[in-house]
Protein backbone atom coordinates (compact mmCIF):
# COMPACT_ATOMS: atom_id res chain seq x y z
CA MET A 1 0.00 0.00 0.00
CA THR A 2 2.72 2.43 -1.00
CA GLU A 3 1.86 6.05 -1.76
CA THR A 4 3.25 5.60 -5.27
CA LEU A 5 0.68 2.98 -6.11
CA ILE A 6 -2.17 4.88 -4.47
CA ASN A 7 -1.42 7.93 -6.61
CA ALA A 8 -0.97 5.80 -9.72
CA THR A 9 -4.59 4.66 -9.61
CA ASP A 10 -5.70 8.25 -10.40
CA ARG A 11 -8.58 8.15 -7.95
CA SER A 12 -11.31 10.75 -7.93
CA LEU A 13 -13.56 8.81 -5.57
CA LEU A 14 -12.77 9.70 -1.97
CA GLN A 15 -11.17 6.69 -0.29
CA THR A 16 -13.04 6.79 3.01
CA ARG A 17 -16.07 4.94 4.34
CA HIS A 18 -19.12 7.22 4.61
CA LEU A 19 -22.76 6.34 5.30
CA LEU A 20 -25.63 8.69 4.44
CA THR A 21 -28.46 6.15 4.78
CA ASP A 22 -29.11 2.72 6.16
CA ILE A 23 -27.60 -0.09 4.10
CA PRO A 24 -29.31 -0.76 1.74
CA GLY A 25 -30.58 2.77 1.16
CA PRO A 26 -33.97 3.79 -0.24
CA ARG A 27 -32.90 4.03 -3.89
CA SER A 28 -31.15 0.66 -3.72
CA LEU A 29 -34.32 -0.83 -2.24
CA GLU A 30 -36.37 0.59 -5.12
CA LEU A 31 -34.00 -0.84 -7.70
CA HIS A 32 -33.85 -4.16 -5.90
CA ALA A 33 -37.65 -4.39 -6.04
CA GLU A 34 -37.46 -3.78 -9.79
CA ARG A 35 -34.78 -6.44 -10.10
CA ALA A 36 -37.12 -8.93 -8.43
CA GLU A 37 -39.67 -8.22 -11.16
CA GLN A 38 -37.20 -8.61 -14.02
CA VAL A 39 -34.37 -10.98 -13.05
CA SER A 40 -34.41 -14.71 -12.41
CA SER A 41 -34.65 -15.47 -8.69
CA GLY A 42 -31.96 -18.10 -9.28
CA PHE A 43 -29.40 -15.32 -8.89
CA GLY A 44 -28.42 -14.84 -5.26
CA ILE A 45 -27.18 -11.61 -3.71
CA ALA A 46 -24.70 -10.94 -0.92
CA LEU A 47 -25.67 -7.31 -0.37
CA PRO A 48 -28.66 -5.65 -2.15
CA VAL A 49 -27.06 -2.30 -2.91
CA PHE A 50 -26.83 -0.88 -6.42
CA VAL A 51 -23.46 0.56 -7.39
CA GLU A 52 -23.09 3.97 -8.98
CA ARG A 53 -19.28 4.19 -8.95
CA ALA A 54 -16.34 2.09 -7.72
CA GLU A 55 -12.66 2.92 -7.52
CA GLY A 56 -9.68 1.81 -5.46
CA GLY A 57 -11.01 0.23 -2.28
CA ILE A 58 -14.38 2.05 -2.30
CA VAL A 59 -17.77 1.24 -3.80
CA ARG A 60 -20.27 4.14 -3.91
CA ASP A 61 -23.93 3.18 -4.12
CA VAL A 62 -26.88 5.01 -5.68
CA ASP A 63 -27.74 6.52 -2.30
CA GLY A 64 -24.32 8.15 -1.99
CA ASN A 65 -22.93 5.74 0.60
CA ARG A 66 -19.24 4.86 0.29
CA LEU A 67 -18.58 1.24 1.24
CA ILE A 68 -15.24 -0.48 1.79
CA ASP A 69 -14.69 -3.24 -0.76
CA PHE A 70 -13.46 -6.45 0.83
CA ALA A 71 -14.82 -8.55 -2.05
CA SER A 72 -13.24 -7.24 -5.29
CA GLY A 73 -16.06 -8.82 -7.29
CA ILE A 74 -14.97 -12.20 -5.85
CA ALA A 75 -11.23 -11.68 -6.41
CA VAL A 76 -11.66 -10.06 -9.83
CA THR A 77 -10.96 -6.32 -9.53
CA SER A 78 -7.57 -6.61 -7.86
CA LEU A 79 -6.49 -3.27 -9.34
CA GLY A 80 -9.72 -1.54 -8.32
CA ALA A 81 -13.02 -1.57 -10.14
CA SER A 82 -12.13 1.34 -12.43
CA ASN A 83 -8.40 1.07 -13.02
CA SER A 84 -7.27 3.87 -15.29
CA ARG A 85 -4.75 1.89 -17.35
CA VAL A 86 -7.23 -0.90 -17.97
CA ALA A 87 -9.79 1.69 -19.07
CA GLU A 88 -7.28 3.39 -21.40
CA ARG A 89 -6.30 0.20 -23.20
CA VAL A 90 -9.88 -1.04 -23.52
CA ALA A 91 -11.04 2.38 -24.79
CA ALA A 92 -8.30 2.45 -27.40
CA GLN A 93 -9.29 -1.00 -28.60
CA LEU A 94 -12.96 0.05 -28.74
CA GLU A 95 -11.98 2.65 -31.32
CA LYS A 96 -10.51 -0.11 -33.53
CA PHE A 97 -12.91 -3.05 -33.22
CA THR A 98 -14.76 -4.87 -30.44
CA HIS A 99 -14.74 -8.40 -31.84
CA THR A 100 -13.74 -10.50 -34.83
CA CYS A 101 -13.48 -13.98 -33.23
CA PHE A 102 -9.90 -15.18 -33.07
CA MET A 103 -10.86 -18.36 -34.93
CA VAL A 104 -11.97 -16.25 -37.92
CA THR A 105 -9.39 -13.46 -38.12
CA GLU A 106 -6.50 -12.95 -35.71
CA TYR A 107 -5.25 -10.00 -33.62
CA GLU A 108 -1.95 -9.47 -31.85
CA ALA A 109 -3.24 -8.85 -28.32
CA PHE A 110 -4.36 -12.48 -28.06
CA THR A 111 -0.84 -13.70 -28.82
CA LYS A 112 0.71 -11.17 -26.42
CA VAL A 113 -1.47 -12.38 -23.53
CA CYS A 114 -0.48 -15.97 -24.30
CA SER A 115 3.19 -14.98 -24.46
CA TRP A 116 3.10 -13.31 -21.02
CA LEU A 117 1.38 -16.31 -19.45
CA ASN A 118 3.83 -18.71 -21.09
CA ARG A 119 6.76 -16.76 -19.65
CA ASN A 120 5.37 -16.21 -16.17
CA THR A 121 3.52 -19.35 -15.13
CA PRO A 122 5.74 -21.68 -13.08
CA GLY A 123 7.60 -24.42 -14.92
CA ASP A 124 10.87 -24.59 -16.85
CA PHE A 125 9.48 -26.15 -20.02
CA ALA A 126 8.04 -25.07 -23.36
CA LYS A 127 4.49 -23.78 -22.91
CA ARG A 128 1.44 -22.84 -24.92
CA THR A 129 -1.74 -21.02 -23.85
CA ALA A 130 -5.38 -21.16 -24.92
CA LEU A 131 -7.69 -18.25 -24.06
CA PHE A 132 -11.36 -18.52 -23.20
CA THR A 133 -13.97 -16.37 -21.47
CA THR A 134 -14.93 -17.81 -18.06
CA GLY A 135 -13.24 -19.80 -15.32
CA ALA A 136 -15.58 -22.74 -15.86
CA GLU A 137 -14.58 -22.80 -19.54
CA ALA A 138 -10.93 -22.94 -18.53
CA VAL A 139 -11.59 -25.90 -16.24
CA GLU A 140 -13.62 -27.78 -18.85
CA ASN A 141 -11.01 -27.18 -21.53
CA ALA A 142 -8.27 -28.38 -19.19
CA VAL A 143 -10.20 -31.65 -18.87
CA LYS A 144 -10.61 -31.84 -22.65
CA ILE A 145 -6.91 -31.20 -23.19
CA SER A 146 -5.91 -33.78 -20.57
CA ARG A 147 -8.17 -36.43 -22.09
CA ALA A 148 -6.94 -35.68 -25.61
CA ALA A 149 -3.31 -35.96 -24.49
CA THR A 150 -3.66 -39.12 -22.37
CA GLY A 151 -6.54 -41.01 -23.95
CA ARG A 152 -7.93 -41.58 -20.44
CA PRO A 153 -11.42 -40.73 -19.10
CA ASN A 154 -11.22 -40.15 -15.33
CA VAL A 155 -10.66 -36.88 -13.45
CA LEU A 156 -9.60 -36.72 -9.80
CA VAL A 157 -10.91 -33.82 -7.71
CA PHE A 158 -10.89 -33.14 -3.99
CA ASP A 159 -13.05 -32.49 -0.96
CA GLU A 160 -13.95 -28.80 -0.51
CA ALA A 161 -13.18 -28.07 -4.18
CA TYR A 162 -14.92 -25.45 -6.28
CA HIS A 163 -14.42 -25.39 -10.05
CA GLY A 164 -17.49 -23.70 -11.54
CA ARG A 165 -21.20 -23.76 -12.35
CA SER A 166 -21.33 -25.52 -15.74
CA LEU A 167 -22.52 -29.11 -15.72
CA LEU A 168 -19.05 -30.70 -15.75
CA THR A 169 -17.57 -28.22 -13.30
CA MET A 170 -20.55 -28.67 -10.96
CA ALA A 171 -19.72 -32.36 -10.89
CA MET A 172 -16.13 -31.43 -10.00
CA THR A 173 -17.28 -29.03 -7.26
CA ALA A 174 -17.78 -30.55 -3.82
CA LYS A 175 -20.44 -28.29 -2.32
CA VAL A 176 -24.01 -29.34 -3.12
CA ASN A 177 -26.05 -26.36 -1.95
CA PRO A 178 -26.38 -24.05 -3.83
CA TYR A 179 -24.19 -25.23 -6.71
CA LYS A 180 -25.40 -28.76 -7.50
CA LYS A 181 -28.78 -28.90 -5.76
CA ASN A 182 -31.62 -29.87 -8.16
CA PHE A 183 -29.34 -29.81 -11.22
CA GLY A 184 -28.44 -33.50 -11.58
CA PRO A 185 -27.70 -35.99 -12.90
CA MET A 186 -24.05 -35.01 -13.08
CA PRO A 187 -21.47 -36.15 -15.65
CA ASP A 188 -19.60 -39.30 -14.70
CA HIS A 189 -15.87 -40.15 -14.62
CA ILE A 190 -15.36 -37.67 -11.76
CA VAL A 191 -13.71 -39.19 -8.67
CA ARG A 192 -13.30 -37.33 -5.37
CA ALA A 193 -10.39 -37.75 -2.95
CA ALA A 194 -9.58 -36.41 0.50
CA SER A 195 -8.17 -32.91 0.84
CA ALA A 196 -5.52 -31.78 3.30
CA ASN A 197 -7.37 -29.27 5.48
CA PRO A 198 -5.02 -28.60 8.43
CA LEU A 199 -7.79 -27.45 10.79
CA ARG A 200 -10.10 -30.38 10.09
CA ASN A 201 -7.30 -32.94 10.03
CA ALA A 202 -5.52 -31.96 13.23
CA GLY A 203 -3.14 -34.73 14.23
CA VAL A 204 -3.15 -36.28 10.76
CA ARG A 205 0.15 -36.29 8.89
CA VAL A 206 0.26 -35.12 5.29
CA GLU A 207 1.69 -38.51 4.33
CA GLN A 208 -1.51 -40.14 5.57
CA VAL A 209 -3.67 -37.87 3.42
CA LEU A 210 -1.50 -38.60 0.38
CA GLU A 211 -1.80 -42.31 1.08
CA SER A 212 -5.58 -41.87 1.09
CA VAL A 213 -5.41 -40.06 -2.26
CA GLU A 214 -3.30 -42.83 -3.76
CA SER A 215 -5.72 -45.41 -2.39
CA THR A 216 -8.57 -43.61 -4.16
CA LEU A 217 -6.59 -43.66 -7.41
CA ARG A 218 -5.96 -47.39 -7.05
CA GLU A 219 -9.63 -48.12 -6.41
CA HIS A 220 -10.41 -46.78 -9.88
CA ASP A 221 -7.14 -47.82 -11.64
CA PRO A 222 -4.61 -44.97 -11.46
CA PHE A 223 -3.82 -45.38 -15.16
CA SER A 224 -7.42 -44.49 -16.04
CA PHE A 225 -7.00 -40.90 -14.82
CA ALA A 226 -6.38 -38.14 -17.32
CA ALA A 227 -6.08 -35.33 -14.77
CA MET A 228 -6.09 -34.40 -11.13
CA VAL A 229 -7.43 -30.89 -10.57
CA ILE A 230 -6.63 -28.96 -7.38
CA GLU A 231 -6.80 -25.35 -6.20
CA PRO A 232 -3.49 -24.35 -4.52
CA ILE A 233 -5.71 -22.51 -2.04
CA GLN A 234 -9.28 -23.74 -2.07
CA GLY A 235 -11.62 -20.83 -2.66
CA GLU A 236 -15.33 -21.40 -2.15
CA GLY A 237 -14.43 -24.44 -0.05
CA GLY A 238 -13.21 -22.09 2.67
CA PHE A 239 -9.91 -20.47 1.62
CA VAL A 240 -8.16 -23.60 2.80
CA VAL A 241 -4.36 -23.50 2.64
CA PRO A 242 -3.38 -27.18 2.35
CA MET A 243 -0.99 -28.95 4.70
CA ALA A 244 2.64 -28.34 3.86
CA GLY A 245 3.79 -30.96 1.38
CA PHE A 246 0.34 -31.84 0.02
CA ILE A 247 0.65 -30.15 -3.38
CA PRO A 248 4.23 -31.42 -3.87
CA GLY A 249 2.94 -34.88 -2.93
CA LEU A 250 0.24 -34.65 -5.59
CA ARG A 251 2.94 -33.66 -8.08
CA LYS A 252 4.77 -36.91 -7.29
CA LEU A 253 1.60 -38.99 -7.62
CA ALA A 254 0.80 -37.36 -10.95
CA ASP A 255 4.28 -38.14 -12.23
CA LYS A 256 4.10 -41.71 -10.92
CA TYR A 257 0.93 -42.54 -12.84
CA GLY A 258 1.27 -40.24 -15.85
CA ILE A 259 -1.62 -38.01 -14.74
CA VAL A 260 -1.86 -34.36 -15.82
CA LEU A 261 -1.63 -32.10 -12.73
CA VAL A 262 -4.01 -29.19 -13.24
CA LEU A 263 -3.60 -26.25 -10.86
CA ASP A 264 -6.78 -24.19 -10.71
CA GLU A 265 -5.44 -20.69 -10.00
CA ILE A 266 -8.65 -18.98 -11.10
CA GLN A 267 -9.21 -17.28 -7.72
CA ALA A 268 -5.72 -17.43 -6.20
CA GLY A 269 -3.60 -16.42 -9.20
CA ILE A 270 -2.47 -13.13 -10.78
CA GLY A 271 -0.92 -11.68 -7.64
CA ARG A 272 -3.67 -12.33 -5.10
CA THR A 273 -1.45 -14.27 -2.67
CA GLY A 274 1.61 -12.04 -2.88
CA THR A 275 3.21 -14.02 -5.70
CA LEU A 276 2.07 -14.10 -9.31
CA PHE A 277 0.74 -17.63 -8.76
CA ALA A 278 -0.25 -19.29 -5.49
CA SER A 279 1.55 -22.48 -6.48
CA GLU A 280 4.84 -20.59 -6.16
CA HIS A 281 4.40 -20.86 -2.38
CA GLU A 282 4.45 -24.66 -2.84
CA GLN A 283 7.36 -24.56 -5.32
CA VAL A 284 5.34 -26.75 -7.66
CA ALA A 285 4.69 -26.33 -11.37
CA GLY A 286 1.45 -27.68 -12.77
CA ASP A 287 1.29 -29.37 -16.14
CA LEU A 288 -1.65 -27.04 -16.77
CA VAL A 289 -2.38 -23.79 -14.92
CA LEU A 290 -5.80 -22.13 -15.06
CA THR A 291 -6.36 -18.38 -14.70
CA ALA A 292 -9.41 -16.10 -14.93
CA LYS A 293 -11.01 -13.61 -12.47
CA ALA A 294 -8.21 -11.03 -11.92
CA LEU A 295 -6.62 -11.87 -15.27
CA ALA A 296 -8.35 -8.92 -17.01
CA ASN A 297 -9.54 -7.01 -13.91
CA GLY A 298 -13.23 -7.49 -14.60
CA VAL A 299 -13.35 -7.94 -18.36
CA PRO A 300 -14.23 -11.63 -18.96
CA LEU A 301 -11.14 -13.64 -19.86
CA SER A 302 -9.70 -17.01 -18.84
CA ALA A 303 -6.74 -19.10 -19.84
CA VAL A 304 -5.25 -22.58 -19.82
CA THR A 305 -1.45 -22.45 -19.85
CA GLY A 306 0.85 -25.45 -19.76
CA ARG A 307 3.16 -27.92 -21.40
CA ALA A 308 3.31 -27.38 -25.15
CA GLU A 309 2.74 -31.06 -25.92
CA LEU A 310 -0.46 -31.04 -23.88
CA LEU A 311 -1.88 -27.81 -25.33
CA ASN A 312 -1.07 -29.05 -28.83
CA ALA A 313 -2.73 -32.45 -28.30
CA PRO A 314 -6.29 -31.45 -29.34
CA HIS A 315 -7.04 -31.46 -33.05
CA ALA A 316 -7.31 -28.15 -34.91
CA GLY A 317 -10.72 -26.66 -34.22
CA GLY A 318 -11.14 -28.70 -31.05
CA LEU A 319 -10.57 -25.69 -28.81
CA GLY A 320 -12.12 -22.26 -29.05
CA GLY A 321 -15.29 -20.28 -28.46
CA THR A 322 -17.05 -17.33 -30.03
CA TYR A 323 -15.82 -14.88 -27.43
CA ALA A 324 -12.63 -16.73 -26.47
CA GLY A 325 -9.85 -14.18 -25.95
CA ASN A 326 -12.02 -11.23 -26.95
CA PRO A 327 -9.78 -8.28 -28.00
CA LEU A 328 -11.16 -5.93 -25.32
CA ALA A 329 -10.42 -8.52 -22.65
CA CYS A 330 -6.93 -9.13 -24.01
CA GLU A 331 -6.12 -5.41 -23.86
CA ALA A 332 -7.39 -5.32 -20.26
CA ALA A 333 -5.12 -8.24 -19.38
CA LEU A 334 -2.12 -6.53 -20.96
CA ALA A 335 -2.85 -3.50 -18.76
CA VAL A 336 -2.90 -5.78 -15.71
CA PHE A 337 0.42 -7.33 -16.71
CA GLU A 338 2.01 -3.87 -17.10
CA GLN A 339 1.07 -3.01 -13.51
CA LEU A 340 2.37 -6.30 -12.11
CA GLU A 341 5.83 -5.86 -13.57
CA ASP A 342 7.41 -3.68 -10.86
CA GLY A 343 6.35 -5.95 -7.97
CA VAL A 344 4.51 -3.22 -6.04
CA LEU A 345 1.14 -4.97 -6.24
CA LEU A 346 2.68 -8.20 -4.97
CA ALA A 347 4.27 -6.33 -2.07
CA ASN A 348 0.90 -4.75 -1.34
CA ALA A 349 -0.73 -8.18 -1.14
CA ARG A 350 1.86 -9.30 1.38
CA ARG A 351 1.41 -6.12 3.41
CA ILE A 352 -2.36 -6.63 3.43
CA GLU A 353 -1.79 -10.04 5.00
CA GLN A 354 0.42 -8.54 7.70
CA VAL A 355 -2.18 -5.94 8.63
CA VAL A 356 -5.09 -8.40 8.61
CA ARG A 357 -3.25 -10.86 10.82
CA GLU A 358 -2.19 -8.09 13.19
CA VAL A 359 -5.82 -7.03 13.70
CA LEU A 360 -7.65 -10.37 13.57
CA GLU A 361 -5.34 -13.01 15.04
CA PRO A 362 -5.78 -11.68 18.62
CA LEU A 363 -9.41 -12.78 18.29
CA LEU A 364 -8.22 -16.39 18.48
CA ASP A 365 -7.44 -15.82 22.15
CA SER A 366 -10.05 -13.22 23.05
CA THR A 367 -13.08 -15.15 21.72
CA SER A 368 -14.21 -18.77 21.62
CA ILE A 369 -15.80 -18.61 18.17
CA VAL A 370 -12.83 -17.93 15.86
CA ALA A 371 -11.32 -21.28 14.97
CA GLN A 372 -8.71 -20.01 12.52
CA VAL A 373 -7.44 -16.95 10.66
CA ARG A 374 -5.80 -18.21 7.51
CA GLY A 375 -4.79 -17.51 3.94
CA ARG A 376 -1.98 -15.92 1.98
CA GLY A 377 -1.50 -12.38 0.77
CA ALA A 378 -4.81 -10.66 0.13
CA MET A 379 -6.72 -13.97 0.09
CA LEU A 380 -7.63 -14.38 3.76
CA ALA A 381 -10.42 -15.87 5.84
CA VAL A 382 -11.84 -16.26 9.32
CA GLU A 383 -13.47 -19.60 10.17
CA PHE A 384 -16.19 -19.61 12.83
CA ALA A 385 -16.63 -22.75 14.92
CA ASP A 386 -17.03 -23.74 18.53
CA ARG A 387 -13.51 -23.75 19.91
CA GLY A 388 -13.51 -27.14 21.60
CA THR A 389 -15.52 -29.22 19.15
CA LEU A 390 -14.89 -27.35 15.87
CA VAL A 391 -18.63 -27.62 15.16
CA PRO A 392 -19.14 -25.13 12.28
CA ARG A 393 -21.05 -21.94 13.09
CA PRO A 394 -22.54 -20.63 9.82
CA ASP A 395 -24.97 -18.57 11.89
CA LEU A 396 -22.09 -16.53 13.28
CA ALA A 397 -20.46 -16.05 9.88
CA ALA A 398 -23.77 -14.78 8.52
CA LYS A 399 -24.32 -12.47 11.49
CA VAL A 400 -20.84 -10.98 11.32
CA SER A 401 -21.17 -10.43 7.58
CA ARG A 402 -24.59 -8.73 8.03
CA ASP A 403 -23.16 -6.48 10.73
CA CYS A 404 -20.27 -5.50 8.45
CA HIS A 405 -22.70 -4.73 5.63
CA SER A 406 -24.78 -2.48 7.88
CA GLN A 407 -21.63 -0.53 8.74
CA GLY A 408 -20.53 -0.13 5.13
CA VAL A 409 -18.02 -2.97 4.71
CA ILE A 410 -18.61 -5.47 1.90
CA THR A 411 -17.72 -9.00 3.01
CA LEU A 412 -18.47 -12.46 1.65
CA THR A 413 -18.98 -15.84 3.27
CA CYS A 414 -17.86 -19.20 1.93
CA GLY A 415 -16.90 -22.69 3.08
CA THR A 416 -18.45 -26.12 2.77
CA HIS A 417 -20.55 -25.33 5.85
CA GLY A 418 -20.96 -21.62 5.11
CA ASN A 419 -19.04 -20.78 8.29
CA VAL A 420 -16.11 -18.87 6.77
CA LEU A 421 -15.88 -15.14 6.15
CA ARG A 422 -13.45 -14.33 3.36
CA LEU A 423 -11.51 -11.16 2.71
CA LEU A 424 -10.51 -10.18 -0.83
CA PRO A 425 -9.62 -6.48 -0.75
CA PRO A 426 -8.22 -4.96 -3.94
CA LEU A 427 -4.44 -4.91 -3.96
CA VAL A 428 -4.53 -1.11 -4.34
CA ILE A 429 -6.45 -0.47 -1.10
CA GLY A 430 -4.90 2.15 1.18
CA GLU A 431 -3.79 1.04 4.62
CA ASP A 432 -6.01 3.51 6.49
CA LEU A 433 -9.04 2.25 4.61
CA LEU A 434 -8.03 -1.37 5.17
CA ARG A 435 -7.66 -0.81 8.91
CA ASP A 436 -11.01 0.97 9.10
CA GLY A 437 -12.74 -2.01 7.51
CA LEU A 438 -10.91 -4.45 9.75
CA GLU A 439 -11.95 -2.52 12.85
CA VAL A 440 -15.57 -2.81 11.76
CA LEU A 441 -15.07 -6.53 11.24
CA SER A 442 -13.27 -6.97 14.56
CA ARG A 443 -16.08 -5.23 16.44
CA ALA A 444 -18.68 -7.37 14.65
CA ILE A 445 -16.85 -10.55 15.69
CA ALA A 446 -16.53 -9.37 19.28
CA SER A 447 -20.25 -8.59 19.32
CA ALA A 448 -21.11 -12.03 17.95
CA ALA A 449 -18.89 -13.65 20.58
């Protein structure tokens, strides 16, 4: 949160929390009522406020309230929701053309995005990249690529995983409600193995979890698996940082059985954890790495990057999509890459973690409801559970989040049991603003306790 970066965002929206009305305010309530008349009720909502402007770490609603953004559009707007350099590059591209479809006629920005990802994803081997539009598309295409390269059908996924809302990615996702409920039957050839949640596996050694994973592979014939897909930090599953050695252990199992190791970095990648990719903390390179969300700072874009022989395995025409690697999205991504080059954003993510831990970790001793404060960089979470039994307390997570909302701090819940509050502030948030939001959160937790 250096002053250089704060100034570089060219903010005109005052970076302080300020409430003029109750949250939600009267105009937001009017618009929300209209939404209910026009929009499918299948869309949920964390906070029914309508946004008029967003910049840096602040979201201003239609009632004039300024709220602190601890969500970043679910880890998307890491550079703020109206980053000036992203806007400049997208605007310049708008003057040229908005779309041609890369499978019809080509444009250089697509290749440049692929080149940056090939250079910067972990792994000292020749790489190729394929661009798509959504995170779920990236996951599905990683499965397609793995099956094309190996000739095998099965895919190994893990407890507490989240990989998307399409039919295949729902099958790969662990959580039933709301993601899979009423939407079956699910595609087959998806096998689930144990994850290495340190809090929920206290006293269990990582070697034991890896033995369980290998046992699951053997039950289904390990040589029938095309891919194993894992998030380096599990997102919707609860921001779970795996036991030390788990991801490297999966790397060894993948090598042993010729399985493609797919690292789903859709939420954790592009600087969120204080490194470009979360897997750098594990010192592991995936055969395929998936990115989306923060990749283009809010303009829809996703990517599969990995070993050249894998990306080149599908037949010509086998990969693609009408909007895959749209030129506006590619220009937005190039603007993101420019701003990652000097390392300031990565340093900011690490500083955010220091501040969050400084404020929230004392709650482990001062309350009996905070089971763990965890995460890396600006991808952090508080899990609520009864201290002695670890019985999940989703009621407390919901209450704390509601209290934060009422005080003008946007927070999100997650976790298999809905008992985790997650923090995803933009990497450009100022420290004063960050601390103000954390004080609101800390008071809400103390009140709930």
